[in-house]
Amino acid sequence: MFSRLPPRRPRFVPCLAAPLLAIALACAAAPVSARDDHCKKDQDCARAALVHGEIRPLSEVLGVVRDKVPGDIIEIELDREDGIWVYEVKVLPSSGRRKKLEIDARTLEILKIK
């Protein structure tokens, strides 16, 4: 009475396989970079930037600061300004008047002294 039909394969699987594979490959091939604003913590972004050569180690930055403005380093920040990583370092020299240096984190060029 009823003829037995062969089981049907779902058609959506082959249709989705190609786009899903393309997305997976694109995600795997995309380089992990500190430029992405998807870092969960600031230290994760800083570590990724250091590993990728986008910033120089803090020890090198401190050497530049001490050569330019001798004194006590009282604060250090690492920020991204207009696509450039910048160390902002506050120093208290013997004069007692606080100085703020902005340093390109990749080249160690002093951008500004206030």
PDB file of N, CA and C in Angstrom:
ATOM      1  N   MET A   1       0.809  -1.156   0.000  1.00  0.00           N
ATOM      2  CA  MET A   1       0.000   0.000   0.000  1.00  0.00           C
ATOM      3  C   MET A   1       0.877   1.254   0.000  1.00  0.00           C
ATOM      4  N   PHE A   2       1.675   1.447   0.990  1.00  0.00           N
ATOM      5  CA  PHE A   2       2.591   2.581   0.988  1.00  0.00           C
ATOM      6  C   PHE A   2       3.942   2.106   0.498  1.00  0.00           C
ATOM      7  N   SER A   3       4.458   2.806  -0.469  1.00  0.00           N
ATOM      8  CA  SER A   3       5.805   2.448  -0.910  1.00  0.00           C
ATOM      9  C   SER A   3       6.817   3.179  -0.017  1.00  0.00           C
ATOM     10  N   ARG A   4       7.841   2.508   0.232  1.00  0.00           N
ATOM     11  CA  ARG A   4       8.864   3.084   1.105  1.00  0.00           C
ATOM     12  C   ARG A   4       9.768   3.987   0.269  1.00  0.00           C
ATOM     13  N   LEU A   5       9.813   5.272   0.638  1.00  0.00           N
ATOM     14  CA  LEU A   5      10.651   6.239  -0.060  1.00  0.00           C
ATOM     15  C   LEU A   5      12.034   6.269   0.583  1.00  0.00           C
ATOM     16  N   PRO A   6      13.049   6.501  -0.226  1.00  0.00           N
ATOM     17  CA  PRO A   6      14.392   6.604   0.360  1.00  0.00           C
ATOM     18  C   PRO A   6      14.469   7.850   1.257  1.00  0.00           C
ATOM     19  N   PRO A   7      15.250   7.793   2.311  1.00  0.00           N
ATOM     20  CA  PRO A   7      15.352   8.958   3.201  1.00  0.00           C
ATOM     21  C   PRO A   7      15.948  10.151   2.453  1.00  0.00           C
ATOM     22  N   ARG A   8      15.445  11.325   2.757  1.00  0.00           N
ATOM     23  CA  ARG A   8      15.926  12.549   2.109  1.00  0.00           C
ATOM     24  C   ARG A   8      17.013  13.192   2.967  1.00  0.00           C
ATOM     25  N   ARG A   9      17.977  13.696   2.306  1.00  0.00           N
ATOM     26  CA  ARG A   9      19.014  14.452   2.998  1.00  0.00           C
ATOM     27  C   ARG A   9      18.542  15.893   3.138  1.00  0.00           C
ATOM     28  N   PRO A  10      18.820  16.486   4.228  1.00  0.00           N
ATOM     29  CA  PRO A  10      18.451  17.895   4.340  1.00  0.00           C
ATOM     30  C   PRO A  10      19.250  18.718   3.331  1.00  0.00           C
ATOM     31  N   ARG A  11      18.595  19.618   2.646  1.00  0.00           N
ATOM     32  CA  ARG A  11      19.252  20.410   1.607  1.00  0.00           C
ATOM     33  C   ARG A  11      20.011  21.598   2.176  1.00  0.00           C
ATOM     34  N   PHE A  12      19.642  22.039   3.358  1.00  0.00           N
ATOM     35  CA  PHE A  12      20.271  23.241   3.884  1.00  0.00           C
ATOM     36  C   PHE A  12      21.730  23.023   4.265  1.00  0.00           C
ATOM     37  N   VAL A  13      22.129  21.820   4.580  1.00  0.00           N
ATOM     38  CA  VAL A  13      23.505  21.570   5.000  1.00  0.00           C
ATOM     39  C   VAL A  13      24.495  21.890   3.887  1.00  0.00           C
ATOM     40  N   PRO A  14      24.327  21.371   2.662  1.00  0.00           N
ATOM     41  CA  PRO A  14      25.277  21.742   1.616  1.00  0.00           C
ATOM     42  C   PRO A  14      25.228  23.233   1.288  1.00  0.00           C
ATOM     43  N   CYS A  15      24.073  23.836   1.407  1.00  0.00           N
ATOM     44  CA  CYS A  15      23.956  25.269   1.112  1.00  0.00           C
ATOM     45  C   CYS A  15      24.714  26.112   2.128  1.00  0.00           C
ATOM     46  N   LEU A  16      24.771  25.662   3.364  1.00  0.00           N
ATOM     47  CA  LEU A  16      25.448  26.424   4.409  1.00  0.00           C
ATOM     48  C   LEU A  16      26.918  26.058   4.556  1.00  0.00           C
ATOM     49  N   ALA A  17      27.303  24.916   4.040  1.00  0.00           N
ATOM     50  CA  ALA A  17      28.672  24.442   4.237  1.00  0.00           C
ATOM     51  C   ALA A  17      29.699  25.407   3.647  1.00  0.00           C
ATOM     52  N   ALA A  18      29.488  25.865   2.434  1.00  0.00           N
ATOM     53  CA  ALA A  18      30.463  26.752   1.789  1.00  0.00           C
ATOM     54  C   ALA A  18      30.605  28.086   2.525  1.00  0.00           C
ATOM     55  N   PRO A  19      29.502  28.777   2.847  1.00  0.00           N
ATOM     56  CA  PRO A  19      29.673  30.045   3.575  1.00  0.00           C
ATOM     57  C   PRO A  19      30.294  29.861   4.961  1.00  0.00           C
ATOM     58  N   LEU A  20      29.907  28.805   5.669  1.00  0.00           N
ATOM     59  CA  LEU A  20      30.484  28.574   6.992  1.00  0.00           C
ATOM     60  C   LEU A  20      31.973  28.263   6.907  1.00  0.00           C
ATOM     61  N   LEU A  21      32.363  27.500   5.903  1.00  0.00           N
ATOM     62  CA  LEU A  21      33.772  27.194   5.706  1.00  0.00           C
ATOM     63  C   LEU A  21      34.550  28.467   5.382  1.00  0.00           C
ATOM     64  N   ALA A  22      33.983  29.319   4.538  1.00  0.00           N
ATOM     65  CA  ALA A  22      34.643  30.576   4.182  1.00  0.00           C
ATOM     66  C   ALA A  22      34.833  31.466   5.409  1.00  0.00           C
ATOM     67  N   ILE A  23      33.821  31.547   6.254  1.00  0.00           N
ATOM     68  CA  ILE A  23      33.918  32.360   7.471  1.00  0.00           C
ATOM     69  C   ILE A  23      34.975  31.785   8.411  1.00  0.00           C
ATOM     70  N   ALA A  24      34.972  30.469   8.575  1.00  0.00           N
ATOM     71  CA  ALA A  24      35.947  29.830   9.460  1.00  0.00           C
ATOM     72  C   ALA A  24      37.375  30.067   8.972  1.00  0.00           C
ATOM     73  N   LEU A  25      37.596  29.958   7.674  1.00  0.00           N
ATOM     74  CA  LEU A  25      38.933  30.186   7.123  1.00  0.00           C
ATOM     75  C   LEU A  25      39.353  31.640   7.266  1.00  0.00           C
ATOM     76  N   ALA A  26      38.422  32.553   7.055  1.00  0.00           N
ATOM     77  CA  ALA A  26      38.739  33.977   7.186  1.00  0.00           C
ATOM     78  C   ALA A  26      39.119  34.316   8.623  1.00  0.00           C
ATOM     79  N   CYS A  27      38.408  33.752   9.568  1.00  0.00           N
ATOM     80  CA  CYS A  27      38.715  34.011  10.982  1.00  0.00           C
ATOM     81  C   CYS A  27      40.057  33.407  11.366  1.00  0.00           C
ATOM     82  N   ALA A  28      40.340  32.232  10.872  1.00  0.00           N
ATOM     83  CA  ALA A  28      41.596  31.570  11.208  1.00  0.00           C
ATOM     84  C   ALA A  28      42.783  32.266  10.556  1.00  0.00           C
ATOM     85  N   ALA A  29      42.582  32.813   9.371  1.00  0.00           N
ATOM     86  CA  ALA A  29      43.669  33.447   8.639  1.00  0.00           C
ATOM     87  C   ALA A  29      43.914  34.879   9.077  1.00  0.00           C
ATOM     88  N   ALA A  30      42.956  35.503   9.716  1.00  0.00           N
ATOM     89  CA  ALA A  30      43.113  36.900  10.133  1.00  0.00           C
ATOM     90  C   ALA A  30      44.165  36.984  11.224  1.00  0.00           C
ATOM     91  N   PRO A  31      45.150  37.876  11.051  1.00  0.00           N
ATOM     92  CA  PRO A  31      46.182  37.985  12.072  1.00  0.00           C
ATOM     93  C   PRO A  31      45.628  38.608  13.343  1.00  0.00           C
ATOM     94  N   VAL A  32      46.097  38.093  14.457  1.00  0.00           N
ATOM     95  CA  VAL A  32      45.702  38.674  15.735  1.00  0.00           C
ATOM     96  C   VAL A  32      46.573  39.901  15.922  1.00  0.00           C
ATOM     97  N   SER A  33      45.972  41.007  16.200  1.00  0.00           N
ATOM     98  CA  SER A  33      46.720  42.243  16.311  1.00  0.00           C
ATOM     99  C   SER A  33      46.237  43.054  17.487  1.00  0.00           C
ATOM    100  N   ALA A  34      47.145  43.798  18.040  1.00  0.00           N
ATOM    101  CA  ALA A  34      46.766  44.679  19.141  1.00  0.00           C
ATOM    102  C   ALA A  34      45.970  45.861  18.630  1.00  0.00           C
ATOM    103  N   ARG A  35      45.923  46.032  17.339  1.00  0.00           N
ATOM    104  CA  ARG A  35      45.135  47.126  16.778  1.00  0.00           C
ATOM    105  C   ARG A  35      43.654  46.895  16.975  1.00  0.00           C
ATOM    106  N   ASP A  36      43.268  45.648  17.118  1.00  0.00           N
ATOM    107  CA  ASP A  36      41.859  45.358  17.339  1.00  0.00           C
ATOM    108  C   ASP A  36      41.454  45.907  18.690  1.00  0.00           C
ATOM    109  N   ASP A  37      40.284  46.481  18.751  1.00  0.00           N
ATOM    110  CA  ASP A  37      39.788  47.026  20.005  1.00  0.00           C
ATOM    111  C   ASP A  37      38.978  45.992  20.760  1.00  0.00           C
ATOM    112  N   HIS A  38      39.297  44.722  20.584  1.00  0.00           N
ATOM    113  CA  HIS A  38      38.541  43.657  21.214  1.00  0.00           C
ATOM    114  C   HIS A  38      39.288  43.070  22.409  1.00  0.00           C
ATOM    115  N   CYS A  39      40.311  43.758  22.875  1.00  0.00           N
ATOM    116  CA  CYS A  39      41.044  43.272  24.038  1.00  0.00           C
ATOM    117  C   CYS A  39      40.140  43.364  25.258  1.00  0.00           C
ATOM    118  N   LYS A  40      40.199  42.334  26.074  1.00  0.00           N
ATOM    119  CA  LYS A  40      39.349  42.327  27.265  1.00  0.00           C
ATOM    120  C   LYS A  40      39.946  43.182  28.367  1.00  0.00           C
ATOM    121  N   LYS A  41      41.259  43.246  28.441  1.00  0.00           N
ATOM    122  CA  LYS A  41      41.927  44.034  29.466  1.00  0.00           C
ATOM    123  C   LYS A  41      43.040  44.840  28.816  1.00  0.00           C
ATOM    124  N   ASP A  42      43.369  45.969  29.432  1.00  0.00           N
ATOM    125  CA  ASP A  42      44.422  46.820  28.896  1.00  0.00           C
ATOM    126  C   ASP A  42      45.754  46.088  28.799  1.00  0.00           C
ATOM    127  N   GLN A  43      46.057  45.267  29.805  1.00  0.00           N
ATOM    128  CA  GLN A  43      47.337  44.568  29.769  1.00  0.00           C
ATOM    129  C   GLN A  43      47.387  43.541  28.640  1.00  0.00           C
ATOM    130  N   ASP A  44      46.234  42.996  28.245  1.00  0.00           N
ATOM    131  CA  ASP A  44      46.197  42.076  27.105  1.00  0.00           C
ATOM    132  C   ASP A  44      46.546  42.814  25.821  1.00  0.00           C
ATOM    133  N   CYS A  45      46.008  44.018  25.670  1.00  0.00           N
ATOM    134  CA  CYS A  45      46.311  44.833  24.487  1.00  0.00           C
ATOM    135  C   CYS A  45      47.792  45.197  24.462  1.00  0.00           C
ATOM    136  N   ALA A  46      48.325  45.598  25.605  1.00  0.00           N
ATOM    137  CA  ALA A  46      49.733  45.982  25.676  1.00  0.00           C
ATOM    138  C   ALA A  46      50.633  44.794  25.359  1.00  0.00           C
ATOM    139  N   ARG A  47      50.322  43.636  25.899  1.00  0.00           N
ATOM    140  CA  ARG A  47      51.127  42.437  25.644  1.00  0.00           C
ATOM    141  C   ARG A  47      51.086  42.064  24.163  1.00  0.00           C
ATOM    142  N   ALA A  48      49.897  42.105  23.566  1.00  0.00           N
ATOM    143  CA  ALA A  48      49.762  41.785  22.140  1.00  0.00           C
ATOM    144  C   ALA A  48      50.536  42.788  21.290  1.00  0.00           C
ATOM    145  N   ALA A  49      50.476  44.062  21.646  1.00  0.00           N
ATOM    146  CA  ALA A  49      51.208  45.088  20.899  1.00  0.00           C
ATOM    147  C   ALA A  49      52.710  44.851  20.993  1.00  0.00           C
ATOM    148  N   LEU A  50      53.190  44.468  22.158  1.00  0.00           N
ATOM    149  CA  LEU A  50      54.614  44.189  22.338  1.00  0.00           C
ATOM    150  C   LEU A  50      55.037  42.972  21.525  1.00  0.00           C
ATOM    151  N   VAL A  51      54.255  41.911  21.586  1.00  0.00           N
ATOM    152  CA  VAL A  51      54.565  40.680  20.849  1.00  0.00           C
ATOM    153  C   VAL A  51      54.596  40.935  19.346  1.00  0.00           C
ATOM    154  N   HIS A  52      53.717  41.796  18.856  1.00  0.00           N
ATOM    155  CA  HIS A  52      53.629  42.076  17.420  1.00  0.00           C
ATOM    156  C   HIS A  52      54.574  43.188  16.968  1.00  0.00           C
ATOM    157  N   GLY A  53      55.388  43.702  17.884  1.00  0.00           N
ATOM    158  CA  GLY A  53      56.359  44.729  17.517  1.00  0.00           C
ATOM    159  C   GLY A  53      55.755  46.107  17.318  1.00  0.00           C
ATOM    160  N   GLU A  54      54.560  46.318  17.819  1.00  0.00           N
ATOM    161  CA  GLU A  54      53.911  47.620  17.665  1.00  0.00           C
ATOM    162  C   GLU A  54      54.362  48.609  18.731  1.00  0.00           C
ATOM    163  N   ILE A  55      54.893  48.116  19.837  1.00  0.00           N
ATOM    164  CA  ILE A  55      55.432  48.976  20.881  1.00  0.00           C
ATOM    165  C   ILE A  55      56.765  48.415  21.347  1.00  0.00           C
ATOM    166  N   ARG A  56      57.564  49.276  21.977  1.00  0.00           N
ATOM    167  CA  ARG A  56      58.844  48.863  22.542  1.00  0.00           C
ATOM    168  C   ARG A  56      58.652  48.554  24.021  1.00  0.00           C
ATOM    169  N   PRO A  57      59.545  47.756  24.597  1.00  0.00           N
ATOM    170  CA  PRO A  57      59.415  47.405  26.013  1.00  0.00           C
ATOM    171  C   PRO A  57      59.537  48.635  26.912  1.00  0.00           C
ATOM    172  N   LEU A  58      58.887  48.554  28.043  1.00  0.00           N
ATOM    173  CA  LEU A  58      58.880  49.654  29.000  1.00  0.00           C
ATOM    174  C   LEU A  58      60.292  50.001  29.463  1.00  0.00           C
ATOM    175  N   SER A  59      61.161  49.017  29.590  1.00  0.00           N
ATOM    176  CA  SER A  59      62.537  49.282  30.035  1.00  0.00           C
ATOM    177  C   SER A  59      63.254  50.238  29.080  1.00  0.00           C
ATOM    178  N   GLU A  60      63.014  50.097  27.772  1.00  0.00           N
ATOM    179  CA  GLU A  60      63.621  51.001  26.792  1.00  0.00           C
ATOM    180  C   GLU A  60      63.024  52.398  26.892  1.00  0.00           C
ATOM    181  N   VAL A  61      61.724  52.467  27.125  1.00  0.00           N
ATOM    182  CA  VAL A  61      61.046  53.759  27.263  1.00  0.00           C
ATOM    183  C   VAL A  61      61.597  54.501  28.477  1.00  0.00           C
ATOM    184  N   LEU A  62      61.755  53.793  29.587  1.00  0.00           N
ATOM    185  CA  LEU A  62      62.265  54.424  30.800  1.00  0.00           C
ATOM    186  C   LEU A  62      63.679  54.958  30.599  1.00  0.00           C
ATOM    187  N   GLY A  63      64.492  54.255  29.822  1.00  0.00           N
ATOM    188  CA  GLY A  63      65.840  54.739  29.518  1.00  0.00           C
ATOM    189  C   GLY A  63      65.808  56.058  28.772  1.00  0.00           C
ATOM    190  N   VAL A  64      64.921  56.180  27.791  1.00  0.00           N
ATOM    191  CA  VAL A  64      64.777  57.424  27.025  1.00  0.00           C
ATOM    192  C   VAL A  64      64.316  58.553  27.942  1.00  0.00           C
ATOM    193  N   VAL A  65      63.343  58.259  28.796  1.00  0.00           N
ATOM    194  CA  VAL A  65      62.803  59.280  29.704  1.00  0.00           C
ATOM    195  C   VAL A  65      63.882  59.762  30.666  1.00  0.00           C
ATOM    196  N   ARG A  66      64.620  58.842  31.258  1.00  0.00           N
ATOM    197  CA  ARG A  66      65.652  59.222  32.235  1.00  0.00           C
ATOM    198  C   ARG A  66      66.764  60.042  31.594  1.00  0.00           C
ATOM    199  N   ASP A  67      67.093  59.748  30.330  1.00  0.00           N
ATOM    200  CA  ASP A  67      68.112  60.533  29.630  1.00  0.00           C
ATOM    201  C   ASP A  67      67.625  61.956  29.358  1.00  0.00           C
ATOM    202  N   LYS A  68      66.359  62.103  29.043  1.00  0.00           N
ATOM    203  CA  LYS A  68      65.813  63.413  28.662  1.00  0.00           C
ATOM    204  C   LYS A  68      65.444  64.262  29.876  1.00  0.00           C
ATOM    205  N   VAL A  69      64.772  63.670  30.858  1.00  0.00           N
ATOM    206  CA  VAL A  69      64.307  64.408  32.040  1.00  0.00           C
ATOM    207  C   VAL A  69      64.636  63.579  33.283  1.00  0.00           C
ATOM    208  N   PRO A  70      65.789  63.825  33.897  1.00  0.00           N
ATOM    209  CA  PRO A  70      66.119  63.083  35.114  1.00  0.00           C
ATOM    210  C   PRO A  70      65.140  63.433  36.241  1.00  0.00           C
ATOM    211  N   GLY A  71      64.777  62.441  37.007  1.00  0.00           N
ATOM    212  CA  GLY A  71      63.862  62.653  38.122  1.00  0.00           C
ATOM    213  C   GLY A  71      63.107  61.381  38.438  1.00  0.00           C
ATOM    214  N   ASP A  72      62.108  61.520  39.294  1.00  0.00           N
ATOM    215  CA  ASP A  72      61.284  60.380  39.690  1.00  0.00           C
ATOM    216  C   ASP A  72      60.120  60.213  38.722  1.00  0.00           C
ATOM    217  N   ILE A  73      59.982  59.013  38.169  1.00  0.00           N
ATOM    218  CA  ILE A  73      58.853  58.718  37.283  1.00  0.00           C
ATOM    219  C   ILE A  73      57.665  58.412  38.181  1.00  0.00           C
ATOM    220  N   ILE A  74      56.596  59.215  38.029  1.00  0.00           N
ATOM    221  CA  ILE A  74      55.459  59.072  38.939  1.00  0.00           C
ATOM    222  C   ILE A  74      54.228  58.456  38.287  1.00  0.00           C
ATOM    223  N   GLU A  75      54.191  58.423  36.955  1.00  0.00           N
ATOM    224  CA  GLU A  75      53.035  57.815  36.282  1.00  0.00           C
ATOM    225  C   GLU A  75      53.401  57.458  34.851  1.00  0.00           C
ATOM    226  N   ILE A  76      52.870  56.318  34.394  1.00  0.00           N
ATOM    227  CA  ILE A  76      53.074  55.875  33.011  1.00  0.00           C
ATOM    228  C   ILE A  76      51.747  55.366  32.477  1.00  0.00           C
ATOM    229  N   GLU A  77      51.405  55.804  31.270  1.00  0.00           N
ATOM    230  CA  GLU A  77      50.202  55.313  30.592  1.00  0.00           C
ATOM    231  C   GLU A  77      50.575  54.925  29.172  1.00  0.00           C
ATOM    232  N   LEU A  78      49.864  53.957  28.641  1.00  0.00           N
ATOM    233  CA  LEU A  78      50.006  53.562  27.241  1.00  0.00           C
ATOM    234  C   LEU A  78      48.642  53.730  26.600  1.00  0.00           C
ATOM    235  N   ASP A  79      48.573  54.640  25.640  1.00  0.00           N
ATOM    236  CA  ASP A  79      47.308  54.935  24.964  1.00  0.00           C
ATOM    237  C   ASP A  79      47.490  54.821  23.466  1.00  0.00           C
ATOM    238  N   ARG A  80      46.372  54.704  22.785  1.00  0.00           N
ATOM    239  CA  ARG A  80      46.368  54.689  21.322  1.00  0.00           C
ATOM    240  C   ARG A  80      45.713  55.982  20.870  1.00  0.00           C
ATOM    241  N   GLU A  81      46.476  56.832  20.179  1.00  0.00           N
ATOM    242  CA  GLU A  81      45.987  58.122  19.715  1.00  0.00           C
ATOM    243  C   GLU A  81      46.141  58.198  18.200  1.00  0.00           C
ATOM    244  N   ASP A  82      45.034  58.355  17.517  1.00  0.00           N
ATOM    245  CA  ASP A  82      45.037  58.451  16.047  1.00  0.00           C
ATOM    246  C   ASP A  82      45.789  57.290  15.406  1.00  0.00           C
ATOM    247  N   GLY A  83      45.608  56.091  15.946  1.00  0.00           N
ATOM    248  CA  GLY A  83      46.219  54.900  15.373  1.00  0.00           C
ATOM    249  C   GLY A  83      47.664  54.671  15.775  1.00  0.00           C
ATOM    250  N   ILE A  84      48.202  55.517  16.655  1.00  0.00           N
ATOM    251  CA  ILE A  84      49.597  55.394  17.079  1.00  0.00           C
ATOM    252  C   ILE A  84      49.626  55.105  18.576  1.00  0.00           C
ATOM    253  N   TRP A  85      50.413  54.105  18.962  1.00  0.00           N
ATOM    254  CA  TRP A  85      50.593  53.820  20.383  1.00  0.00           C
ATOM    255  C   TRP A  85      51.512  54.881  20.965  1.00  0.00           C
ATOM    256  N   VAL A  86      51.104  55.476  22.090  1.00  0.00           N
ATOM    257  CA  VAL A  86      51.861  56.553  22.724  1.00  0.00           C
ATOM    258  C   VAL A  86      52.005  56.262  24.219  1.00  0.00           C
ATOM    259  N   TYR A  87      53.262  56.325  24.691  1.00  0.00           N
ATOM    260  CA  TYR A  87      53.506  56.276  26.131  1.00  0.00           C
ATOM    261  C   TYR A  87      53.404  57.705  26.653  1.00  0.00           C
ATOM    262  N   GLU A  88      52.632  57.898  27.713  1.00  0.00           N
ATOM    263  CA  GLU A  88      52.576  59.179  28.413  1.00  0.00           C
ATOM    264  C   GLU A  88      53.247  58.962  29.764  1.00  0.00           C
ATOM    265  N   VAL A  89      54.333  59.677  29.980  1.00  0.00           N
ATOM    266  CA  VAL A  89      55.126  59.481  31.192  1.00  0.00           C
ATOM    267  C   VAL A  89      55.201  60.801  31.951  1.00  0.00           C
ATOM    268  N   LYS A  90      54.856  60.758  33.234  1.00  0.00           N
ATOM    269  CA  LYS A  90      54.958  61.943  34.088  1.00  0.00           C
ATOM    270  C   LYS A  90      56.173  61.769  34.987  1.00  0.00           C
ATOM    271  N   VAL A  91      56.995  62.826  35.018  1.00  0.00           N
ATOM    272  CA  VAL A  91      58.247  62.799  35.768  1.00  0.00           C
ATOM    273  C   VAL A  91      58.264  63.981  36.731  1.00  0.00           C
ATOM    274  N   LEU A  92      58.780  63.745  37.920  1.00  0.00           N
ATOM    275  CA  LEU A  92      58.970  64.814  38.896  1.00  0.00           C
ATOM    276  C   LEU A  92      60.473  65.052  39.027  1.00  0.00           C
ATOM    277  N   PRO A  93      60.985  66.074  38.313  1.00  0.00           N
ATOM    278  CA  PRO A  93      62.419  66.358  38.400  1.00  0.00           C
ATOM    279  C   PRO A  93      62.767  67.046  39.727  1.00  0.00           C
ATOM    280  N   SER A  94      64.059  67.264  39.943  1.00  0.00           N
ATOM    281  CA  SER A  94      64.498  67.874  41.205  1.00  0.00           C
ATOM    282  C   SER A  94      63.960  69.293  41.374  1.00  0.00           C
ATOM    283  N   SER A  95      63.590  69.948  40.279  1.00  0.00           N
ATOM    284  CA  SER A  95      63.017  71.300  40.358  1.00  0.00           C
ATOM    285  C   SER A  95      61.649  71.297  41.035  1.00  0.00           C
ATOM    286  N   GLY A  96      60.996  70.123  41.074  1.00  0.00           N
ATOM    287  CA  GLY A  96      59.680  70.010  41.697  1.00  0.00           C
ATOM    288  C   GLY A  96      58.530  70.315  40.760  1.00  0.00           C
ATOM    289  N   ARG A  97      58.834  70.723  39.540  1.00  0.00           N
ATOM    290  CA  ARG A  97      57.785  71.034  38.564  1.00  0.00           C
ATOM    291  C   ARG A  97      57.577  69.824  37.658  1.00  0.00           C
ATOM    292  N   ARG A  98      56.392  69.228  37.740  1.00  0.00           N
ATOM    293  CA  ARG A  98      56.086  67.995  37.006  1.00  0.00           C
ATOM    294  C   ARG A  98      56.210  68.201  35.494  1.00  0.00           C
ATOM    295  N   LYS A  99      56.774  67.208  34.819  1.00  0.00           N
ATOM    296  CA  LYS A  99      56.890  67.203  33.354  1.00  0.00           C
ATOM    297  C   LYS A  99      56.125  66.005  32.819  1.00  0.00           C
ATOM    298  N   LYS A 100      55.502  66.195  31.660  1.00  0.00           N
ATOM    299  CA  LYS A 100      54.784  65.105  30.993  1.00  0.00           C
ATOM    300  C   LYS A 100      55.412  64.914  29.618  1.00  0.00           C
ATOM    301  N   LEU A 101      55.836  63.696  29.333  1.00  0.00           N
ATOM    302  CA  LEU A 101      56.417  63.362  28.038  1.00  0.00           C
ATOM    303  C   LEU A 101      55.469  62.447  27.289  1.00  0.00           C
ATOM    304  N   GLU A 102      55.305  62.699  26.009  1.00  0.00           N
ATOM    305  CA  GLU A 102      54.568  61.793  25.129  1.00  0.00           C
ATOM    306  C   GLU A 102      55.581  61.201  24.166  1.00  0.00           C
ATOM    307  N   ILE A 103      55.630  59.871  24.131  1.00  0.00           N
ATOM    308  CA  ILE A 103      56.649  59.158  23.363  1.00  0.00           C
ATOM    309  C   ILE A 103      55.982  58.161  22.437  1.00  0.00           C
ATOM    310  N   ASP A 104      56.385  58.173  21.157  1.00  0.00           N
ATOM    311  CA  ASP A 104      55.897  57.179  20.197  1.00  0.00           C
ATOM    312  C   ASP A 104      56.373  55.813  20.684  1.00  0.00           C
ATOM    313  N   ALA A 105      55.446  54.916  20.931  1.00  0.00           N
ATOM    314  CA  ALA A 105      55.771  53.627  21.540  1.00  0.00           C
ATOM    315  C   ALA A 105      56.528  52.693  20.601  1.00  0.00           C
ATOM    316  N   ARG A 106      56.476  52.934  19.299  1.00  0.00           N
ATOM    317  CA  ARG A 106      57.191  52.073  18.354  1.00  0.00           C
ATOM    318  C   ARG A 106      58.610  52.570  18.111  1.00  0.00           C
ATOM    319  N   THR A 107      58.761  53.893  17.943  1.00  0.00           N
ATOM    320  CA  THR A 107      60.057  54.457  17.561  1.00  0.00           C
ATOM    321  C   THR A 107      60.827  55.059  18.727  1.00  0.00           C
ATOM    322  N   LEU A 108      60.156  55.277  19.852  1.00  0.00           N
ATOM    323  CA  LEU A 108      60.697  55.948  21.028  1.00  0.00           C
ATOM    324  C   LEU A 108      61.032  57.413  20.759  1.00  0.00           C
ATOM    325  N   GLU A 109      60.449  57.973  19.723  1.00  0.00           N
ATOM    326  CA  GLU A 109      60.609  59.400  19.439  1.00  0.00           C
ATOM    327  C   GLU A 109      59.777  60.196  20.444  1.00  0.00           C
ATOM    328  N   ILE A 110      60.389  61.233  21.015  1.00  0.00           N
ATOM    329  CA  ILE A 110      59.655  62.093  21.940  1.00  0.00           C
ATOM    330  C   ILE A 110      58.790  63.028  21.111  1.00  0.00           C
ATOM    331  N   LEU A 111      57.487  62.906  21.287  1.00  0.00           N
ATOM    332  CA  LEU A 111      56.536  63.697  20.513  1.00  0.00           C
ATOM    333  C   LEU A 111      56.267  65.051  21.153  1.00  0.00           C
ATOM    334  N   LYS A 112      56.271  65.067  22.493  1.00  0.00           N
ATOM    335  CA  LYS A 112      55.904  66.294  23.191  1.00  0.00           C
ATOM    336  C   LYS A 112      56.435  66.247  24.616  1.00  0.00           C
ATOM    337  N   ILE A 113      56.864  67.410  25.096  1.00  0.00           N
ATOM    338  CA  ILE A 113      57.213  67.568  26.510  1.00  0.00           C
ATOM    339  C   ILE A 113      56.434  68.768  27.016  1.00  0.00           C
ATOM    340  N   LYS A 114      55.661  68.553  28.077  1.00  0.00           N
ATOM    341  CA  LYS A 114      54.875  69.655  28.661  1.00  0.00           C
ATOM    342  C   LYS A 114      55.384  69.954  30.048  1.00  0.00           C
TER     343      LYS A 114
END
